[in-house]
Amino acid sequence: MAYDVFGQIEFEQEERVYQTVKLQLGPKATDEQLNHQFWTEINSKRFMQSLVNLMPFYMSWILSTILLINRSYGKPALAIAIFACGFCEGMVQINYSDKGIQQIVG
């Protein structure tokens, strides 16, 4: 149902991951074990992909903050704001992004 809400149209990657998990766990695995391992794999892939996408931007912002801000209160305030923005964007990207999502409004 969640896939319908976000308009996902491609399920090939998820099917390959599910089949791989099924082969790794063997024929005696329960559906609960399969689903748990499947979602663990999917979430780890999304996490790594979001790190690769976001880290260069936020690292450059943090470095420019450290190097270019001269006021004592400015560095921690901006570093916290940058970290918060990066964390929020990362969580949104991990939970809601997928290459197989079709833009519904556009």
PDB file of N, CA and C in Angstrom:
ATOM      1  N   MET A   1       0.826  -1.202   0.000  1.00  0.00           N
ATOM      2  CA  MET A   1       0.000   0.000   0.000  1.00  0.00           C
ATOM      3  C   MET A   1       0.867   1.262   0.000  1.00  0.00           C
ATOM      4  N   ALA A   2       1.975   1.249   0.733  1.00  0.00           N
ATOM      5  CA  ALA A   2       2.846   2.421   0.765  1.00  0.00           C
ATOM      6  C   ALA A   2       3.440   2.694  -0.609  1.00  0.00           C
ATOM      7  N   TYR A   3       3.689   1.651  -1.385  1.00  0.00           N
ATOM      8  CA  TYR A   3       4.226   1.852  -2.720  1.00  0.00           C
ATOM      9  C   TYR A   3       3.213   2.573  -3.603  1.00  0.00           C
ATOM     10  N   ASP A   4       1.938   2.284  -3.426  1.00  0.00           N
ATOM     11  CA  ASP A   4       0.915   2.962  -4.210  1.00  0.00           C
ATOM     12  C   ASP A   4       0.850   4.442  -3.855  1.00  0.00           C
ATOM     13  N   VAL A   5       1.010   4.777  -2.593  1.00  0.00           N
ATOM     14  CA  VAL A   5       0.943   6.170  -2.160  1.00  0.00           C
ATOM     15  C   VAL A   5       2.059   6.983  -2.800  1.00  0.00           C
ATOM     16  N   PHE A   6       3.271   6.421  -2.878  1.00  0.00           N
ATOM     17  CA  PHE A   6       4.400   7.155  -3.419  1.00  0.00           C
ATOM     18  C   PHE A   6       4.569   6.969  -4.920  1.00  0.00           C
ATOM     19  N   GLY A   7       3.712   6.198  -5.553  1.00  0.00           N
ATOM     20  CA  GLY A   7       3.738   6.061  -7.000  1.00  0.00           C
ATOM     21  C   GLY A   7       4.901   5.252  -7.530  1.00  0.00           C
ATOM     22  N   GLN A   8       5.388   4.285  -6.774  1.00  0.00           N
ATOM     23  CA  GLN A   8       6.513   3.481  -7.250  1.00  0.00           C
ATOM     24  C   GLN A   8       6.039   2.585  -8.384  1.00  0.00           C
ATOM     25  N   ILE A   9       6.833   2.506  -9.434  1.00  0.00           N
ATOM     26  CA  ILE A   9       6.440   1.721 -10.597  1.00  0.00           C
ATOM     27  C   ILE A   9       7.394   0.569 -10.888  1.00  0.00           C
ATOM     28  N   GLU A  10       8.595   0.586 -10.325  1.00  0.00           N
ATOM     29  CA  GLU A  10       9.583  -0.472 -10.567  1.00  0.00           C
ATOM     30  C   GLU A  10       9.850  -1.238  -9.280  1.00  0.00           C
ATOM     31  N   PHE A  11       9.717  -2.566  -9.358  1.00  0.00           N
ATOM     32  CA  PHE A  11       9.951  -3.396  -8.188  1.00  0.00           C
ATOM     33  C   PHE A  11      11.054  -4.419  -8.429  1.00  0.00           C
ATOM     34  N   GLU A  12      11.813  -4.275  -9.505  1.00  0.00           N
ATOM     35  CA  GLU A  12      12.835  -5.264  -9.848  1.00  0.00           C
ATOM     36  C   GLU A  12      13.923  -5.361  -8.788  1.00  0.00           C
ATOM     37  N   GLN A  13      14.401  -4.243  -8.288  1.00  0.00           N
ATOM     38  CA  GLN A  13      15.469  -4.263  -7.295  1.00  0.00           C
ATOM     39  C   GLN A  13      15.002  -4.951  -6.016  1.00  0.00           C
ATOM     40  N   GLU A  14      13.796  -4.625  -5.559  1.00  0.00           N
ATOM     41  CA  GLU A  14      13.271  -5.241  -4.352  1.00  0.00           C
ATOM     42  C   GLU A  14      13.090  -6.749  -4.533  1.00  0.00           C
ATOM     43  N   GLU A  15      12.634  -7.156  -5.712  1.00  0.00           N
ATOM     44  CA  GLU A  15      12.451  -8.582  -5.973  1.00  0.00           C
ATOM     45  C   GLU A  15      13.782  -9.320  -5.970  1.00  0.00           C
ATOM     46  N   ARG A  16      14.826  -8.707  -6.538  1.00  0.00           N
ATOM     47  CA  ARG A  16      16.155  -9.342  -6.520  1.00  0.00           C
ATOM     48  C   ARG A  16      16.694  -9.459  -5.102  1.00  0.00           C
ATOM     49  N   VAL A  17      16.515  -8.416  -4.307  1.00  0.00           N
ATOM     50  CA  VAL A  17      16.983  -8.463  -2.918  1.00  0.00           C
ATOM     51  C   VAL A  17      16.217  -9.534  -2.151  1.00  0.00           C
ATOM     52  N   TYR A  18      14.909  -9.615  -2.374  1.00  0.00           N
ATOM     53  CA  TYR A  18      14.097 -10.620  -1.675  1.00  0.00           C
ATOM     54  C   TYR A  18      14.528 -12.029  -2.052  1.00  0.00           C
ATOM     55  N   GLN A  19      14.769 -12.261  -3.334  1.00  0.00           N
ATOM     56  CA  GLN A  19      15.209 -13.589  -3.765  1.00  0.00           C
ATOM     57  C   GLN A  19      16.586 -13.937  -3.192  1.00  0.00           C
ATOM     58  N   THR A  20      17.482 -12.960  -3.133  1.00  0.00           N
ATOM     59  CA  THR A  20      18.806 -13.185  -2.557  1.00  0.00           C
ATOM     60  C   THR A  20      18.707 -13.527  -1.077  1.00  0.00           C
ATOM     61  N   VAL A  21      17.875 -12.795  -0.347  1.00  0.00           N
ATOM     62  CA  VAL A  21      17.676 -13.061   1.075  1.00  0.00           C
ATOM     63  C   VAL A  21      17.070 -14.442   1.271  1.00  0.00           C
ATOM     64  N   LYS A  22      16.137 -14.783   0.407  1.00  0.00           N
ATOM     65  CA  LYS A  22      15.483 -16.101   0.482  1.00  0.00           C
ATOM     66  C   LYS A  22      16.498 -17.219   0.276  1.00  0.00           C
ATOM     67  N   LEU A  23      17.413 -17.036  -0.670  1.00  0.00           N
ATOM     68  CA  LEU A  23      18.448 -18.046  -0.903  1.00  0.00           C
ATOM     69  C   LEU A  23      19.446 -18.118   0.249  1.00  0.00           C
ATOM     70  N   GLN A  24      19.778 -16.971   0.832  1.00  0.00           N
ATOM     71  CA  GLN A  24      20.730 -16.947   1.944  1.00  0.00           C
ATOM     72  C   GLN A  24      20.181 -17.629   3.186  1.00  0.00           C
ATOM     73  N   LEU A  25      18.905 -17.399   3.485  1.00  0.00           N
ATOM     74  CA  LEU A  25      18.329 -17.953   4.700  1.00  0.00           C
ATOM     75  C   LEU A  25      17.943 -19.427   4.550  1.00  0.00           C
ATOM     76  N   GLY A  26      17.705 -19.870   3.337  1.00  0.00           N
ATOM     77  CA  GLY A  26      17.388 -21.269   3.107  1.00  0.00           C
ATOM     78  C   GLY A  26      15.889 -21.551   3.149  1.00  0.00           C
ATOM     79  N   PRO A  27      15.518 -22.794   2.860  1.00  0.00           N
ATOM     80  CA  PRO A  27      14.094 -23.132   2.748  1.00  0.00           C
ATOM     81  C   PRO A  27      13.365 -23.197   4.092  1.00  0.00           C
ATOM     82  N   LYS A  28      14.087 -23.284   5.206  1.00  0.00           N
ATOM     83  CA  LYS A  28      13.433 -23.413   6.507  1.00  0.00           C
ATOM     84  C   LYS A  28      13.114 -22.064   7.149  1.00  0.00           C
ATOM     85  N   ALA A  29      13.423 -20.985   6.476  1.00  0.00           N
ATOM     86  CA  ALA A  29      13.180 -19.654   7.032  1.00  0.00           C
ATOM     87  C   ALA A  29      11.687 -19.334   7.020  1.00  0.00           C
ATOM     88  N   THR A  30      11.242 -18.688   8.077  1.00  0.00           N
ATOM     89  CA  THR A  30       9.839 -18.275   8.152  1.00  0.00           C
ATOM     90  C   THR A  30       9.643 -16.962   7.402  1.00  0.00           C
ATOM     91  N   ASP A  31       8.377 -16.639   7.155  1.00  0.00           N
ATOM     92  CA  ASP A  31       8.073 -15.374   6.477  1.00  0.00           C
ATOM     93  C   ASP A  31       8.508 -14.179   7.311  1.00  0.00           C
ATOM     94  N   GLU A  32       8.401 -14.292   8.623  1.00  0.00           N
ATOM     95  CA  GLU A  32       8.819 -13.206   9.501  1.00  0.00           C
ATOM     96  C   GLU A  32      10.326 -12.964   9.397  1.00  0.00           C
ATOM     97  N   GLN A  33      11.111 -14.029   9.362  1.00  0.00           N
ATOM     98  CA  GLN A  33      12.562 -13.894   9.214  1.00  0.00           C
ATOM     99  C   GLN A  33      12.913 -13.302   7.859  1.00  0.00           C
ATOM    100  N   LEU A  34      12.238 -13.767   6.809  1.00  0.00           N
ATOM    101  CA  LEU A  34      12.483 -13.232   5.463  1.00  0.00           C
ATOM    102  C   LEU A  34      12.187 -11.742   5.401  1.00  0.00           C
ATOM    103  N   ASN A  35      11.035 -11.345   5.936  1.00  0.00           N
ATOM    104  CA  ASN A  35      10.659  -9.922   5.894  1.00  0.00           C
ATOM    105  C   ASN A  35      11.614  -9.069   6.706  1.00  0.00           C
ATOM    106  N   HIS A  36      12.017  -9.556   7.872  1.00  0.00           N
ATOM    107  CA  HIS A  36      12.944  -8.798   8.701  1.00  0.00           C
ATOM    108  C   HIS A  36      14.283  -8.598   7.987  1.00  0.00           C
ATOM    109  N   GLN A  37      14.833  -9.660   7.442  1.00  0.00           N
ATOM    110  CA  GLN A  37      16.115  -9.566   6.743  1.00  0.00           C
ATOM    111  C   GLN A  37      16.005  -8.720   5.474  1.00  0.00           C
ATOM    112  N   PHE A  38      14.882  -8.858   4.768  1.00  0.00           N
ATOM    113  CA  PHE A  38      14.652  -8.079   3.551  1.00  0.00           C
ATOM    114  C   PHE A  38      14.659  -6.587   3.862  1.00  0.00           C
ATOM    115  N   TRP A  39      13.904  -6.162   4.883  1.00  0.00           N
ATOM    116  CA  TRP A  39      13.837  -4.735   5.202  1.00  0.00           C
ATOM    117  C   TRP A  39      15.137  -4.221   5.787  1.00  0.00           C
ATOM    118  N   THR A  40      15.885  -5.096   6.450  1.00  0.00           N
ATOM    119  CA  THR A  40      17.207  -4.693   6.926  1.00  0.00           C
ATOM    120  C   THR A  40      18.114  -4.384   5.750  1.00  0.00           C
ATOM    121  N   GLU A  41      18.094  -5.236   4.731  1.00  0.00           N
ATOM    122  CA  GLU A  41      18.906  -5.008   3.523  1.00  0.00           C
ATOM    123  C   GLU A  41      18.483  -3.736   2.788  1.00  0.00           C
ATOM    124  N   ILE A  42      17.185  -3.558   2.599  1.00  0.00           N
ATOM    125  CA  ILE A  42      16.683  -2.387   1.875  1.00  0.00           C
ATOM    126  C   ILE A  42      17.056  -1.098   2.614  1.00  0.00           C
ATOM    127  N   ASN A  43      16.868  -1.075   3.922  1.00  0.00           N
ATOM    128  CA  ASN A  43      17.186   0.131   4.691  1.00  0.00           C
ATOM    129  C   ASN A  43      18.683   0.421   4.704  1.00  0.00           C
ATOM    130  N   SER A  44      19.521  -0.615   4.742  1.00  0.00           N
ATOM    131  CA  SER A  44      20.966  -0.357   4.705  1.00  0.00           C
ATOM    132  C   SER A  44      21.394   0.189   3.349  1.00  0.00           C
ATOM    133  N   LYS A  45      20.781  -0.295   2.270  1.00  0.00           N
ATOM    134  CA  LYS A  45      21.091   0.248   0.939  1.00  0.00           C
ATOM    135  C   LYS A  45      20.657   1.710   0.834  1.00  0.00           C
ATOM    136  N   ARG A  46      19.490   2.036   1.353  1.00  0.00           N
ATOM    137  CA  ARG A  46      19.016   3.421   1.313  1.00  0.00           C
ATOM    138  C   ARG A  46      19.906   4.329   2.157  1.00  0.00           C
ATOM    139  N   PHE A  47      20.346   3.832   3.314  1.00  0.00           N
ATOM    140  CA  PHE A  47      21.210   4.619   4.179  1.00  0.00           C
ATOM    141  C   PHE A  47      22.533   4.930   3.496  1.00  0.00           C
ATOM    142  N   MET A  48      23.161   3.926   2.893  1.00  0.00           N
ATOM    143  CA  MET A  48      24.438   4.145   2.221  1.00  0.00           C
ATOM    144  C   MET A  48      24.280   5.078   1.021  1.00  0.00           C
ATOM    145  N   GLN A  49      23.203   4.926   0.295  1.00  0.00           N
ATOM    146  CA  GLN A  49      22.975   5.795  -0.859  1.00  0.00           C
ATOM    147  C   GLN A  49      22.779   7.242  -0.416  1.00  0.00           C
ATOM    148  N   SER A  50      22.054   7.446   0.670  1.00  0.00           N
ATOM    149  CA  SER A  50      21.855   8.818   1.141  1.00  0.00           C
ATOM    150  C   SER A  50      23.156   9.417   1.665  1.00  0.00           C
ATOM    151  N   LEU A  51      24.001   8.604   2.313  1.00  0.00           N
ATOM    152  CA  LEU A  51      25.296   9.118   2.764  1.00  0.00           C
ATOM    153  C   LEU A  51      26.152   9.560   1.583  1.00  0.00           C
ATOM    154  N   VAL A  52      26.180   8.762   0.541  1.00  0.00           N
ATOM    155  CA  VAL A  52      26.977   9.104  -0.639  1.00  0.00           C
ATOM    156  C   VAL A  52      26.455  10.384  -1.284  1.00  0.00           C
ATOM    157  N   ASN A  53      25.145  10.558  -1.294  1.00  0.00           N
ATOM    158  CA  ASN A  53      24.557  11.746  -1.919  1.00  0.00           C
ATOM    159  C   ASN A  53      24.720  13.005  -1.083  1.00  0.00           C
ATOM    160  N   LEU A  54      24.637  12.894   0.231  1.00  0.00           N
ATOM    161  CA  LEU A  54      24.569  14.080   1.076  1.00  0.00           C
ATOM    162  C   LEU A  54      25.890  14.527   1.681  1.00  0.00           C
ATOM    163  N   MET A  55      26.785  13.615   1.966  1.00  0.00           N
ATOM    164  CA  MET A  55      28.006  13.950   2.696  1.00  0.00           C
ATOM    165  C   MET A  55      28.859  15.035   2.030  1.00  0.00           C
ATOM    166  N   PRO A  56      29.068  15.016   0.731  1.00  0.00           N
ATOM    167  CA  PRO A  56      29.910  16.080   0.150  1.00  0.00           C
ATOM    168  C   PRO A  56      29.367  17.491   0.390  1.00  0.00           C
ATOM    169  N   PHE A  57      28.060  17.657   0.267  1.00  0.00           N
ATOM    170  CA  PHE A  57      27.474  18.982   0.451  1.00  0.00           C
ATOM    171  C   PHE A  57      27.604  19.447   1.890  1.00  0.00           C
ATOM    172  N   TYR A  58      27.242  18.595   2.819  1.00  0.00           N
ATOM    173  CA  TYR A  58      27.236  19.019   4.214  1.00  0.00           C
ATOM    174  C   TYR A  58      28.648  19.122   4.778  1.00  0.00           C
ATOM    175  N   MET A  59      29.565  18.322   4.302  1.00  0.00           N
ATOM    176  CA  MET A  59      30.958  18.471   4.733  1.00  0.00           C
ATOM    177  C   MET A  59      31.529  19.796   4.251  1.00  0.00           C
ATOM    178  N   SER A  60      31.198  20.187   3.028  1.00  0.00           N
ATOM    179  CA  SER A  60      31.694  21.483   2.538  1.00  0.00           C
ATOM    180  C   SER A  60      31.078  22.633   3.316  1.00  0.00           C
ATOM    181  N   TRP A  61      29.811  22.530   3.705  1.00  0.00           N
ATOM    182  CA  TRP A  61      29.192  23.579   4.512  1.00  0.00           C
ATOM    183  C   TRP A  61      29.855  23.667   5.876  1.00  0.00           C
ATOM    184  N   ILE A  62      30.106  22.531   6.504  1.00  0.00           N
ATOM    185  CA  ILE A  62      30.731  22.541   7.830  1.00  0.00           C
ATOM    186  C   ILE A  62      32.149  23.098   7.745  1.00  0.00           C
ATOM    187  N   LEU A  63      32.911  22.686   6.738  1.00  0.00           N
ATOM    188  CA  LEU A  63      34.274  23.201   6.594  1.00  0.00           C
ATOM    189  C   LEU A  63      34.287  24.695   6.317  1.00  0.00           C
ATOM    190  N   SER A  64      33.377  25.161   5.470  1.00  0.00           N
ATOM    191  CA  SER A  64      33.340  26.604   5.208  1.00  0.00           C
ATOM    192  C   SER A  64      32.907  27.373   6.453  1.00  0.00           C
ATOM    193  N   THR A  65      32.033  26.793   7.261  1.00  0.00           N
ATOM    194  CA  THR A  65      31.642  27.429   8.523  1.00  0.00           C
ATOM    195  C   THR A  65      32.836  27.544   9.452  1.00  0.00           C
ATOM    196  N   ILE A  66      33.590  26.466   9.586  1.00  0.00           N
ATOM    197  CA  ILE A  66      34.750  26.471  10.474  1.00  0.00           C
ATOM    198  C   ILE A  66      35.803  27.467  10.002  1.00  0.00           C
ATOM    199  N   LEU A  67      36.023  27.522   8.699  1.00  0.00           N
ATOM    200  CA  LEU A  67      37.103  28.354   8.176  1.00  0.00           C
ATOM    201  C   LEU A  67      36.728  29.820   7.975  1.00  0.00           C
ATOM    202  N   LEU A  68      35.460  30.116   7.720  1.00  0.00           N
ATOM    203  CA  LEU A  68      35.095  31.473   7.324  1.00  0.00           C
ATOM    204  C   LEU A  68      34.370  32.292   8.393  1.00  0.00           C
ATOM    205  N   ILE A  69      33.829  31.656   9.414  1.00  0.00           N
ATOM    206  CA  ILE A  69      33.119  32.398  10.465  1.00  0.00           C
ATOM    207  C   ILE A  69      34.100  32.744  11.578  1.00  0.00           C
ATOM    208  N   ASN A  70      34.153  34.013  11.948  1.00  0.00           N
ATOM    209  CA  ASN A  70      35.127  34.474  12.945  1.00  0.00           C
ATOM    210  C   ASN A  70      34.532  34.720  14.327  1.00  0.00           C
ATOM    211  N   ARG A  71      33.220  34.748  14.452  1.00  0.00           N
ATOM    212  CA  ARG A  71      32.615  35.026  15.748  1.00  0.00           C
ATOM    213  C   ARG A  71      32.522  33.751  16.575  1.00  0.00           C
ATOM    214  N   SER A  72      32.676  33.896  17.878  1.00  0.00           N
ATOM    215  CA  SER A  72      32.730  32.726  18.755  1.00  0.00           C
ATOM    216  C   SER A  72      31.404  31.970  18.803  1.00  0.00           C
ATOM    217  N   TYR A  73      30.280  32.676  18.739  1.00  0.00           N
ATOM    218  CA  TYR A  73      28.983  32.001  18.798  1.00  0.00           C
ATOM    219  C   TYR A  73      28.527  31.494  17.433  1.00  0.00           C
ATOM    220  N   GLY A  74      29.122  31.989  16.357  1.00  0.00           N
ATOM    221  CA  GLY A  74      28.665  31.637  15.016  1.00  0.00           C
ATOM    222  C   GLY A  74      28.989  30.217  14.603  1.00  0.00           C
ATOM    223  N   LYS A  75      30.189  29.757  14.949  1.00  0.00           N
ATOM    224  CA  LYS A  75      30.595  28.417  14.530  1.00  0.00           C
ATOM    225  C   LYS A  75      29.703  27.320  15.109  1.00  0.00           C
ATOM    226  N   PRO A  76      29.483  27.288  16.418  1.00  0.00           N
ATOM    227  CA  PRO A  76      28.624  26.219  16.941  1.00  0.00           C
ATOM    228  C   PRO A  76      27.181  26.321  16.459  1.00  0.00           C
ATOM    229  N   ALA A  77      26.661  27.540  16.359  1.00  0.00           N
ATOM    230  CA  ALA A  77      25.274  27.715  15.921  1.00  0.00           C
ATOM    231  C   ALA A  77      25.083  27.221  14.496  1.00  0.00           C
ATOM    232  N   LEU A  78      25.982  27.620  13.611  1.00  0.00           N
ATOM    233  CA  LEU A  78      25.863  27.177  12.225  1.00  0.00           C
ATOM    234  C   LEU A  78      26.153  25.691  12.069  1.00  0.00           C
ATOM    235  N   ALA A  79      27.103  25.170  12.826  1.00  0.00           N
ATOM    236  CA  ALA A  79      27.398  23.737  12.754  1.00  0.00           C
ATOM    237  C   ALA A  79      26.196  22.913  13.192  1.00  0.00           C
ATOM    238  N   ILE A  80      25.512  23.351  14.247  1.00  0.00           N
ATOM    239  CA  ILE A  80      24.312  22.645  14.713  1.00  0.00           C
ATOM    240  C   ILE A  80      23.198  22.744  13.676  1.00  0.00           C
ATOM    241  N   ALA A  81      23.019  23.912  13.083  1.00  0.00           N
ATOM    242  CA  ALA A  81      21.986  24.078  12.055  1.00  0.00           C
ATOM    243  C   ALA A  81      22.280  23.213  10.838  1.00  0.00           C
ATOM    244  N   ILE A  82      23.542  23.159  10.417  1.00  0.00           N
ATOM    245  CA  ILE A  82      23.918  22.342   9.263  1.00  0.00           C
ATOM    246  C   ILE A  82      23.708  20.861   9.578  1.00  0.00           C
ATOM    247  N   PHE A  83      24.103  20.442  10.772  1.00  0.00           N
ATOM    248  CA  PHE A  83      23.909  19.045  11.160  1.00  0.00           C
ATOM    249  C   PHE A  83      22.426  18.694  11.190  1.00  0.00           C
ATOM    250  N   ALA A  84      21.590  19.578  11.734  1.00  0.00           N
ATOM    251  CA  ALA A  84      20.150  19.319  11.805  1.00  0.00           C
ATOM    252  C   ALA A  84      19.536  19.219  10.411  1.00  0.00           C
ATOM    253  N   CYS A  85      19.923  20.136   9.520  1.00  0.00           N
ATOM    254  CA  CYS A  85      19.417  20.080   8.139  1.00  0.00           C
ATOM    255  C   CYS A  85      19.850  18.799   7.448  1.00  0.00           C
ATOM    256  N   GLY A  86      21.110  18.431   7.613  1.00  0.00           N
ATOM    257  CA  GLY A  86      21.615  17.205   6.999  1.00  0.00           C
ATOM    258  C   GLY A  86      20.933  15.968   7.544  1.00  0.00           C
ATOM    259  N   PHE A  87      20.698  15.935   8.855  1.00  0.00           N
ATOM    260  CA  PHE A  87      20.019  14.797   9.464  1.00  0.00           C
ATOM    261  C   PHE A  87      18.593  14.671   8.936  1.00  0.00           C
ATOM    262  N   CYS A  88      17.858  15.792   8.897  1.00  0.00           N
ATOM    263  CA  CYS A  88      16.475  15.759   8.405  1.00  0.00           C
ATOM    264  C   CYS A  88      16.413  15.350   6.931  1.00  0.00           C
ATOM    265  N   GLU A  89      17.293  15.917   6.136  1.00  0.00           N
ATOM    266  CA  GLU A  89      17.298  15.562   4.712  1.00  0.00           C
ATOM    267  C   GLU A  89      17.675  14.102   4.510  1.00  0.00           C
ATOM    268  N   GLY A  90      18.615  13.624   5.299  1.00  0.00           N
ATOM    269  CA  GLY A  90      19.000  12.216   5.216  1.00  0.00           C
ATOM    270  C   GLY A  90      17.864  11.286   5.576  1.00  0.00           C
ATOM    271  N   MET A  91      17.133  11.603   6.638  1.00  0.00           N
ATOM    272  CA  MET A  91      16.007  10.754   7.042  1.00  0.00           C
ATOM    273  C   MET A  91      14.903  10.751   5.992  1.00  0.00           C
ATOM    274  N   VAL A  92      14.635  11.903   5.411  1.00  0.00           N
ATOM    275  CA  VAL A  92      13.628  11.961   4.353  1.00  0.00           C
ATOM    276  C   VAL A  92      14.074  11.141   3.153  1.00  0.00           C
ATOM    277  N   GLN A  93      15.341  11.257   2.792  1.00  0.00           N
ATOM    278  CA  GLN A  93      15.839  10.512   1.641  1.00  0.00           C
ATOM    279  C   GLN A  93      15.844   9.006   1.906  1.00  0.00           C
ATOM    280  N   ILE A  94      16.202   8.600   3.108  1.00  0.00           N
ATOM    281  CA  ILE A  94      16.205   7.175   3.446  1.00  0.00           C
ATOM    282  C   ILE A  94      14.798   6.610   3.424  1.00  0.00           C
ATOM    283  N   ASN A  95      13.853   7.337   3.987  1.00  0.00           N
ATOM    284  CA  ASN A  95      12.502   6.797   4.145  1.00  0.00           C
ATOM    285  C   ASN A  95      11.613   6.943   2.924  1.00  0.00           C
ATOM    286  N   TYR A  96      11.850   7.956   2.095  1.00  0.00           N
ATOM    287  CA  TYR A  96      10.890   8.241   1.039  1.00  0.00           C
ATOM    288  C   TYR A  96      11.453   8.280  -0.380  1.00  0.00           C
ATOM    289  N   SER A  97      12.752   8.109  -0.551  1.00  0.00           N
ATOM    290  CA  SER A  97      13.269   8.224  -1.918  1.00  0.00           C
ATOM    291  C   SER A  97      13.520   6.854  -2.516  1.00  0.00           C
ATOM    292  N   ASP A  98      13.323   6.779  -3.797  1.00  0.00           N
ATOM    293  CA  ASP A  98      13.589   5.560  -4.544  1.00  0.00           C
ATOM    294  C   ASP A  98      13.688   5.950  -6.015  1.00  0.00           C
ATOM    295  N   LYS A  99      14.574   5.297  -6.752  1.00  0.00           N
ATOM    296  CA  LYS A  99      14.731   5.622  -8.165  1.00  0.00           C
ATOM    297  C   LYS A  99      13.508   5.205  -8.967  1.00  0.00           C
ATOM    298  N   GLY A 100      12.731   4.275  -8.451  1.00  0.00           N
ATOM    299  CA  GLY A 100      11.555   3.787  -9.162  1.00  0.00           C
ATOM    300  C   GLY A 100      10.301   4.588  -8.889  1.00  0.00           C
ATOM    301  N   ILE A 101      10.427   5.766  -8.299  1.00  0.00           N
ATOM    302  CA  ILE A 101       9.241   6.567  -7.999  1.00  0.00           C
ATOM    303  C   ILE A 101       8.935   7.467  -9.177  1.00  0.00           C
ATOM    304  N   GLN A 102       7.697   7.434  -9.580  1.00  0.00           N
ATOM    305  CA  GLN A 102       7.241   8.265 -10.684  1.00  0.00           C
ATOM    306  C   GLN A 102       6.683   9.551 -10.107  1.00  0.00           C
ATOM    307  N   GLN A 103       7.022  10.675 -10.712  1.00  0.00           N
ATOM    308  CA  GLN A 103       6.511  11.958 -10.237  1.00  0.00           C
ATOM    309  C   GLN A 103       5.018  12.046 -10.579  1.00  0.00           C
ATOM    310  N   ILE A 104       4.174  12.168  -9.561  1.00  0.00           N
ATOM    311  CA  ILE A 104       2.721  12.218  -9.788  1.00  0.00           C
ATOM    312  C   ILE A 104       2.307  13.631 -10.160  1.00  0.00           C
ATOM    313  N   VAL A 105       2.850  14.616  -9.439  1.00  0.00           N
ATOM    314  CA  VAL A 105       2.545  16.006  -9.718  1.00  0.00           C
ATOM    315  C   VAL A 105       3.764  16.589 -10.413  1.00  0.00           C
ATOM    316  N   GLY A 106       3.586  17.246 -11.514  1.00  0.00           N
ATOM    317  CA  GLY A 106       4.777  17.761 -12.106  1.00  0.00           C
ATOM    318  C   GLY A 106       4.538  18.642 -13.227  1.00  0.00           C
TER     319      GLY A 106
END
